[in-house]
N, C-alpha and C. Protein backbone atom coordinates (compact mmCIF):
# COMPACT_ATOMS: atom_id res chain seq x y z
N MET A 1 -2.50 6.36 3.40
CA MET A 1 -2.11 6.08 4.76
C MET A 1 -3.36 6.11 5.65
N LEU A 2 -3.45 5.14 6.54
CA LEU A 2 -4.54 5.08 7.50
C LEU A 2 -4.22 5.96 8.69
N ASN A 3 -5.24 6.37 9.41
CA ASN A 3 -4.99 7.17 10.60
C ASN A 3 -4.57 6.29 11.76
N THR A 4 -5.40 5.28 12.11
CA THR A 4 -5.13 4.46 13.28
C THR A 4 -5.35 2.99 12.99
N VAL A 5 -4.37 2.16 13.36
CA VAL A 5 -4.47 0.70 13.26
C VAL A 5 -4.31 0.15 14.67
N MET A 6 -5.21 -0.75 15.05
CA MET A 6 -5.13 -1.43 16.34
C MET A 6 -4.62 -2.85 16.10
N VAL A 7 -3.64 -3.25 16.90
CA VAL A 7 -3.12 -4.61 16.85
C VAL A 7 -3.47 -5.26 18.19
N ILE A 8 -4.17 -6.39 18.13
CA ILE A 8 -4.59 -7.12 19.34
C ILE A 8 -3.86 -8.45 19.34
N ASP A 9 -2.98 -8.64 20.32
CA ASP A 9 -2.18 -9.87 20.40
C ASP A 9 -1.69 -10.03 21.83
N ASP A 10 -1.81 -11.22 22.37
CA ASP A 10 -1.39 -11.46 23.75
C ASP A 10 0.14 -11.59 23.90
N SER A 11 0.86 -11.70 22.81
CA SER A 11 2.31 -11.88 22.86
C SER A 11 3.02 -10.53 22.75
N GLU A 12 3.81 -10.19 23.78
CA GLU A 12 4.57 -8.94 23.74
C GLU A 12 5.55 -8.93 22.57
N ILE A 13 6.14 -10.08 22.29
CA ILE A 13 7.11 -10.17 21.19
C ILE A 13 6.42 -9.93 19.85
N ASP A 14 5.24 -10.54 19.65
CA ASP A 14 4.50 -10.33 18.41
C ASP A 14 4.04 -8.87 18.28
N LEU A 15 3.64 -8.25 19.39
CA LEU A 15 3.25 -6.84 19.34
C LEU A 15 4.44 -5.96 18.98
N LEU A 16 5.59 -6.25 19.57
CA LEU A 16 6.79 -5.48 19.26
C LEU A 16 7.16 -5.62 17.79
N TYR A 17 7.14 -6.84 17.30
CA TYR A 17 7.48 -7.09 15.89
C TYR A 17 6.47 -6.38 14.98
N ALA A 18 5.18 -6.50 15.29
CA ALA A 18 4.15 -5.85 14.48
C ALA A 18 4.35 -4.34 14.48
N ARG A 19 4.68 -3.78 15.64
CA ARG A 19 4.91 -2.33 15.72
C ARG A 19 6.06 -1.91 14.80
N ILE A 20 7.15 -2.64 14.86
CA ILE A 20 8.32 -2.32 14.03
C ILE A 20 7.97 -2.40 12.55
N VAL A 21 7.35 -3.51 12.16
CA VAL A 21 7.01 -3.72 10.74
C VAL A 21 5.99 -2.68 10.26
N LEU A 22 4.99 -2.41 11.06
CA LEU A 22 3.96 -1.46 10.65
C LEU A 22 4.48 -0.03 10.62
N GLU A 23 5.32 0.34 11.57
CA GLU A 23 5.91 1.68 11.53
C GLU A 23 6.77 1.86 10.29
N ARG A 24 7.56 0.87 9.97
CA ARG A 24 8.41 0.94 8.78
C ARG A 24 7.60 0.96 7.49
N SER A 25 6.43 0.33 7.51
CA SER A 25 5.60 0.26 6.30
C SER A 25 4.93 1.59 5.98
N GLY A 26 4.76 2.44 7.00
CA GLY A 26 4.05 3.69 6.79
C GLY A 26 2.56 3.51 6.62
N LEU A 27 2.03 2.38 7.07
CA LEU A 27 0.60 2.09 6.90
C LEU A 27 -0.30 3.07 7.64
N ALA A 28 0.12 3.47 8.85
CA ALA A 28 -0.76 4.30 9.68
C ALA A 28 0.02 5.38 10.42
N ARG A 29 -0.71 6.43 10.75
CA ARG A 29 -0.12 7.50 11.54
C ARG A 29 0.05 7.09 13.00
N GLN A 30 -0.89 6.25 13.47
CA GLN A 30 -0.89 5.85 14.88
C GLN A 30 -1.16 4.35 15.00
N LEU A 31 -0.45 3.70 15.91
CA LEU A 31 -0.68 2.30 16.22
C LEU A 31 -1.16 2.17 17.65
N LEU A 32 -2.20 1.39 17.86
CA LEU A 32 -2.65 1.05 19.19
C LEU A 32 -2.34 -0.42 19.41
N LEU A 33 -1.53 -0.72 20.39
CA LEU A 33 -1.14 -2.10 20.68
C LEU A 33 -1.86 -2.54 21.94
N VAL A 34 -2.64 -3.62 21.84
CA VAL A 34 -3.47 -4.08 22.94
C VAL A 34 -3.20 -5.56 23.17
N GLU A 35 -3.00 -5.94 24.44
CA GLU A 35 -2.62 -7.32 24.76
C GLU A 35 -3.78 -8.27 25.03
N SER A 36 -5.00 -7.77 25.08
CA SER A 36 -6.13 -8.69 25.28
C SER A 36 -7.34 -8.22 24.49
N ALA A 37 -8.13 -9.17 24.07
CA ALA A 37 -9.32 -8.86 23.28
C ALA A 37 -10.34 -8.09 24.10
N SER A 38 -10.47 -8.43 25.38
CA SER A 38 -11.45 -7.72 26.21
C SER A 38 -11.03 -6.26 26.41
N ASP A 39 -9.73 -5.99 26.58
CA ASP A 39 -9.25 -4.61 26.67
C ASP A 39 -9.50 -3.86 25.37
N ALA A 40 -9.31 -4.55 24.25
CA ALA A 40 -9.55 -3.93 22.94
C ALA A 40 -11.02 -3.55 22.79
N LEU A 41 -11.93 -4.42 23.22
CA LEU A 41 -13.36 -4.10 23.15
C LEU A 41 -13.67 -2.85 23.95
N GLN A 42 -13.09 -2.74 25.13
CA GLN A 42 -13.32 -1.56 25.96
C GLN A 42 -12.82 -0.30 25.25
N GLN A 43 -11.66 -0.39 24.61
CA GLN A 43 -11.11 0.77 23.91
C GLN A 43 -11.95 1.13 22.68
N LEU A 44 -12.47 0.13 22.01
CA LEU A 44 -13.25 0.37 20.79
C LEU A 44 -14.67 0.82 21.06
N LEU A 45 -15.26 0.34 22.15
CA LEU A 45 -16.68 0.57 22.40
C LEU A 45 -16.97 1.43 23.62
N GLY A 46 -15.94 1.80 24.35
CA GLY A 46 -16.13 2.60 25.56
C GLY A 46 -16.50 4.04 25.24
N PRO A 47 -16.82 4.80 26.29
CA PRO A 47 -17.24 6.19 26.10
C PRO A 47 -16.14 7.08 25.49
N ASP A 48 -14.89 6.73 25.70
CA ASP A 48 -13.78 7.50 25.13
C ASP A 48 -13.13 6.74 23.98
N ALA A 49 -13.94 6.07 23.18
CA ALA A 49 -13.44 5.21 22.10
C ALA A 49 -12.57 5.99 21.12
N THR A 50 -11.48 5.37 20.74
CA THR A 50 -10.60 5.92 19.72
C THR A 50 -11.04 5.39 18.37
N PRO A 51 -11.27 6.26 17.39
CA PRO A 51 -11.62 5.77 16.05
C PRO A 51 -10.46 4.96 15.46
N VAL A 52 -10.78 3.82 14.90
CA VAL A 52 -9.78 2.92 14.34
C VAL A 52 -10.16 2.61 12.89
N ASP A 53 -9.17 2.55 12.01
CA ASP A 53 -9.41 2.28 10.60
C ASP A 53 -9.24 0.81 10.23
N LEU A 54 -8.45 0.08 11.02
CA LEU A 54 -8.16 -1.33 10.74
C LEU A 54 -7.75 -2.00 12.03
N ILE A 55 -8.20 -3.25 12.21
CA ILE A 55 -7.81 -4.05 13.37
C ILE A 55 -7.05 -5.27 12.86
N LEU A 56 -5.88 -5.51 13.44
CA LEU A 56 -5.13 -6.75 13.21
C LEU A 56 -5.32 -7.58 14.47
N LEU A 57 -5.90 -8.76 14.32
CA LEU A 57 -6.39 -9.54 15.45
C LEU A 57 -5.80 -10.94 15.47
N ASP A 58 -5.12 -11.27 16.57
CA ASP A 58 -4.60 -12.62 16.76
C ASP A 58 -5.77 -13.57 17.02
N ILE A 59 -5.69 -14.75 16.48
CA ILE A 59 -6.77 -15.73 16.68
C ILE A 59 -6.67 -16.39 18.05
N ASN A 60 -5.50 -16.90 18.39
CA ASN A 60 -5.35 -17.69 19.62
C ASN A 60 -4.81 -16.85 20.77
N MET A 61 -5.72 -16.49 21.67
CA MET A 61 -5.35 -15.72 22.86
C MET A 61 -6.07 -16.31 24.06
N PRO A 62 -5.46 -16.20 25.25
CA PRO A 62 -6.15 -16.67 26.45
C PRO A 62 -7.31 -15.73 26.80
N GLY A 63 -8.23 -16.23 27.58
CA GLY A 63 -9.40 -15.42 27.92
C GLY A 63 -10.32 -15.38 26.72
N MET A 64 -10.46 -14.23 26.12
CA MET A 64 -11.28 -14.07 24.92
C MET A 64 -10.37 -14.24 23.70
N ASP A 65 -10.67 -15.25 22.87
CA ASP A 65 -9.84 -15.44 21.67
C ASP A 65 -10.34 -14.55 20.54
N GLY A 66 -9.69 -14.61 19.40
CA GLY A 66 -10.04 -13.76 18.28
C GLY A 66 -11.45 -13.97 17.77
N PHE A 67 -11.91 -15.22 17.75
CA PHE A 67 -13.27 -15.49 17.26
C PHE A 67 -14.32 -14.98 18.24
N GLU A 68 -14.05 -15.10 19.53
CA GLU A 68 -14.97 -14.56 20.53
C GLU A 68 -15.01 -13.03 20.44
N PHE A 69 -13.86 -12.42 20.19
CA PHE A 69 -13.81 -10.98 19.98
C PHE A 69 -14.69 -10.58 18.80
N LEU A 70 -14.56 -11.30 17.68
CA LEU A 70 -15.37 -10.98 16.49
C LEU A 70 -16.86 -11.03 16.81
N ALA A 71 -17.27 -12.04 17.54
CA ALA A 71 -18.70 -12.17 17.88
C ALA A 71 -19.16 -11.01 18.75
N ALA A 72 -18.39 -10.70 19.79
CA ALA A 72 -18.77 -9.62 20.70
C ALA A 72 -18.72 -8.26 20.00
N TYR A 73 -17.70 -8.04 19.22
CA TYR A 73 -17.53 -6.77 18.50
C TYR A 73 -18.65 -6.59 17.47
N GLY A 74 -18.97 -7.63 16.74
CA GLY A 74 -20.02 -7.55 15.74
C GLY A 74 -21.39 -7.27 16.33
N LEU A 75 -21.64 -7.82 17.52
CA LEU A 75 -22.93 -7.59 18.17
C LEU A 75 -23.05 -6.19 18.76
N ARG A 76 -21.93 -5.63 19.19
CA ARG A 76 -21.98 -4.36 19.92
C ARG A 76 -21.62 -3.13 19.09
N CYS A 77 -21.14 -3.34 17.88
CA CYS A 77 -20.69 -2.20 17.07
C CYS A 77 -21.58 -2.09 15.84
N ALA A 78 -22.17 -0.92 15.63
CA ALA A 78 -23.07 -0.72 14.50
C ALA A 78 -22.34 -0.81 13.16
N GLN A 79 -21.14 -0.26 13.10
CA GLN A 79 -20.36 -0.29 11.86
C GLN A 79 -18.94 -0.76 12.17
N PRO A 80 -18.74 -2.07 12.23
CA PRO A 80 -17.40 -2.58 12.54
C PRO A 80 -16.38 -2.18 11.47
N VAL A 81 -15.18 -1.90 11.91
CA VAL A 81 -14.10 -1.58 10.97
C VAL A 81 -13.52 -2.88 10.43
N PRO A 82 -12.81 -2.82 9.32
CA PRO A 82 -12.21 -4.04 8.76
C PRO A 82 -11.23 -4.69 9.73
N VAL A 83 -11.24 -6.02 9.70
CA VAL A 83 -10.36 -6.82 10.56
C VAL A 83 -9.53 -7.74 9.69
N VAL A 84 -8.25 -7.85 10.02
CA VAL A 84 -7.38 -8.86 9.42
C VAL A 84 -6.96 -9.77 10.56
N MET A 85 -7.27 -11.05 10.43
CA MET A 85 -6.91 -12.03 11.45
C MET A 85 -5.46 -12.46 11.25
N LEU A 86 -4.78 -12.70 12.37
CA LEU A 86 -3.40 -13.16 12.36
C LEU A 86 -3.30 -14.44 13.17
N SER A 87 -2.53 -15.39 12.66
CA SER A 87 -2.35 -16.65 13.38
C SER A 87 -0.95 -17.19 13.14
N ALA A 88 -0.39 -17.78 14.18
CA ALA A 88 0.91 -18.44 14.04
C ALA A 88 0.75 -19.78 13.34
N SER A 89 -0.48 -20.26 13.28
CA SER A 89 -0.76 -21.55 12.65
C SER A 89 -1.34 -21.35 11.25
N PRO A 90 -0.81 -22.07 10.26
CA PRO A 90 -1.37 -21.96 8.91
C PRO A 90 -2.59 -22.87 8.69
N ASP A 91 -3.33 -23.18 9.75
CA ASP A 91 -4.48 -24.08 9.68
C ASP A 91 -5.55 -23.48 8.75
N PRO A 92 -5.86 -24.17 7.64
CA PRO A 92 -6.86 -23.64 6.71
C PRO A 92 -8.25 -23.50 7.34
N ALA A 93 -8.55 -24.30 8.35
CA ALA A 93 -9.86 -24.19 9.01
C ALA A 93 -10.01 -22.84 9.70
N ASP A 94 -8.93 -22.32 10.27
CA ASP A 94 -8.98 -20.99 10.89
C ASP A 94 -9.29 -19.93 9.84
N ARG A 95 -8.66 -20.04 8.70
CA ARG A 95 -8.87 -19.06 7.62
C ARG A 95 -10.33 -19.09 7.15
N VAL A 96 -10.86 -20.28 6.93
CA VAL A 96 -12.25 -20.41 6.47
C VAL A 96 -13.19 -19.83 7.51
N ARG A 97 -12.97 -20.17 8.76
CA ARG A 97 -13.83 -19.68 9.84
C ARG A 97 -13.75 -18.15 9.95
N ALA A 98 -12.55 -17.61 9.85
CA ALA A 98 -12.37 -16.16 9.96
C ALA A 98 -13.07 -15.43 8.83
N LEU A 99 -12.92 -15.92 7.63
CA LEU A 99 -13.46 -15.22 6.46
C LEU A 99 -14.98 -15.31 6.37
N ARG A 100 -15.62 -16.08 7.24
CA ARG A 100 -17.09 -16.11 7.30
C ARG A 100 -17.66 -14.81 7.88
N HIS A 101 -16.85 -14.10 8.65
CA HIS A 101 -17.31 -12.85 9.26
C HIS A 101 -17.31 -11.75 8.21
N PRO A 102 -18.38 -10.99 8.12
CA PRO A 102 -18.49 -9.99 7.05
C PRO A 102 -17.45 -8.87 7.13
N PHE A 103 -16.91 -8.59 8.30
CA PHE A 103 -15.94 -7.50 8.39
C PHE A 103 -14.50 -8.00 8.46
N VAL A 104 -14.29 -9.32 8.34
CA VAL A 104 -12.93 -9.86 8.24
C VAL A 104 -12.53 -9.84 6.77
N ARG A 105 -11.44 -9.16 6.49
CA ARG A 105 -11.01 -8.99 5.10
C ARG A 105 -9.92 -9.96 4.68
N ASP A 106 -9.18 -10.50 5.64
CA ASP A 106 -8.11 -11.44 5.29
C ASP A 106 -7.69 -12.18 6.54
N CYS A 107 -6.98 -13.28 6.35
CA CYS A 107 -6.43 -14.06 7.44
C CYS A 107 -4.99 -14.38 7.06
N LEU A 108 -4.03 -13.87 7.84
CA LEU A 108 -2.62 -13.98 7.51
C LEU A 108 -1.88 -14.79 8.57
N THR A 109 -0.79 -15.41 8.14
CA THR A 109 0.06 -16.16 9.06
C THR A 109 1.11 -15.22 9.65
N LYS A 110 1.28 -15.30 10.97
CA LYS A 110 2.32 -14.52 11.65
C LYS A 110 3.67 -15.19 11.44
N PRO A 111 4.74 -14.45 11.47
CA PRO A 111 4.81 -13.01 11.66
C PRO A 111 4.41 -12.27 10.40
N LEU A 112 3.95 -11.06 10.61
CA LEU A 112 3.51 -10.20 9.52
C LEU A 112 4.71 -9.79 8.66
N ALA A 113 4.68 -10.18 7.41
CA ALA A 113 5.80 -9.87 6.51
C ALA A 113 5.79 -8.38 6.15
N PRO A 114 6.96 -7.76 6.05
CA PRO A 114 7.03 -6.33 5.71
C PRO A 114 6.30 -5.96 4.43
N LEU A 115 6.42 -6.76 3.38
CA LEU A 115 5.72 -6.44 2.13
C LEU A 115 4.21 -6.54 2.28
N VAL A 116 3.76 -7.48 3.07
CA VAL A 116 2.33 -7.63 3.33
C VAL A 116 1.83 -6.42 4.13
N ALA A 117 2.59 -6.03 5.14
CA ALA A 117 2.21 -4.87 5.96
C ALA A 117 2.09 -3.62 5.10
N ALA A 118 3.03 -3.43 4.20
CA ALA A 118 3.02 -2.25 3.34
C ALA A 118 1.81 -2.23 2.41
N SER A 119 1.26 -3.38 2.11
CA SER A 119 0.14 -3.44 1.17
C SER A 119 -1.21 -3.68 1.85
N LEU A 120 -1.26 -3.63 3.17
CA LEU A 120 -2.51 -3.95 3.87
C LEU A 120 -3.67 -3.05 3.49
N ALA A 121 -3.47 -1.76 3.41
CA ALA A 121 -4.59 -0.86 3.09
C ALA A 121 -5.19 -1.23 1.73
N HIS A 122 -4.34 -1.54 0.78
CA HIS A 122 -4.81 -1.93 -0.55
C HIS A 122 -5.48 -3.31 -0.50
N ARG A 123 -4.86 -4.25 0.23
CA ARG A 123 -5.37 -5.62 0.29
C ARG A 123 -6.76 -5.70 0.91
N VAL A 124 -7.04 -4.84 1.89
CA VAL A 124 -8.34 -4.90 2.56
C VAL A 124 -9.31 -3.86 2.01
N ARG A 125 -8.92 -3.13 0.98
CA ARG A 125 -9.76 -2.16 0.28
C ARG A 125 -10.36 -1.13 1.21
N ILE A 126 -9.48 -0.47 1.94
CA ILE A 126 -9.94 0.60 2.85
C ILE A 126 -9.90 1.91 2.11
């Protein structure tokens, strides 16, 4: 079991669904749900940063999208935690682009399936 998983998604419905699925999976003791990538950066890199074991990151968000988050996070964090990208689109180009980042471990299509959620720690080799 992981201690803390952060889910970054601009959709309240997707965050609610992810919370339900992840809580039922027993993946983590604590879930941090964040509606914007810029807010997530502040939580991860600010003076009162919460240690996180895994980030689930939506690709398509207004303002800072998932790829912009990866670039900013990678530049500002000495040891980035594993990231799993989430997208409502099964576009293979998104998957290829996401997996180019050294700390991205997988790219999954939303909604997050319960069996996938239950196996995330194993799938990303944490």
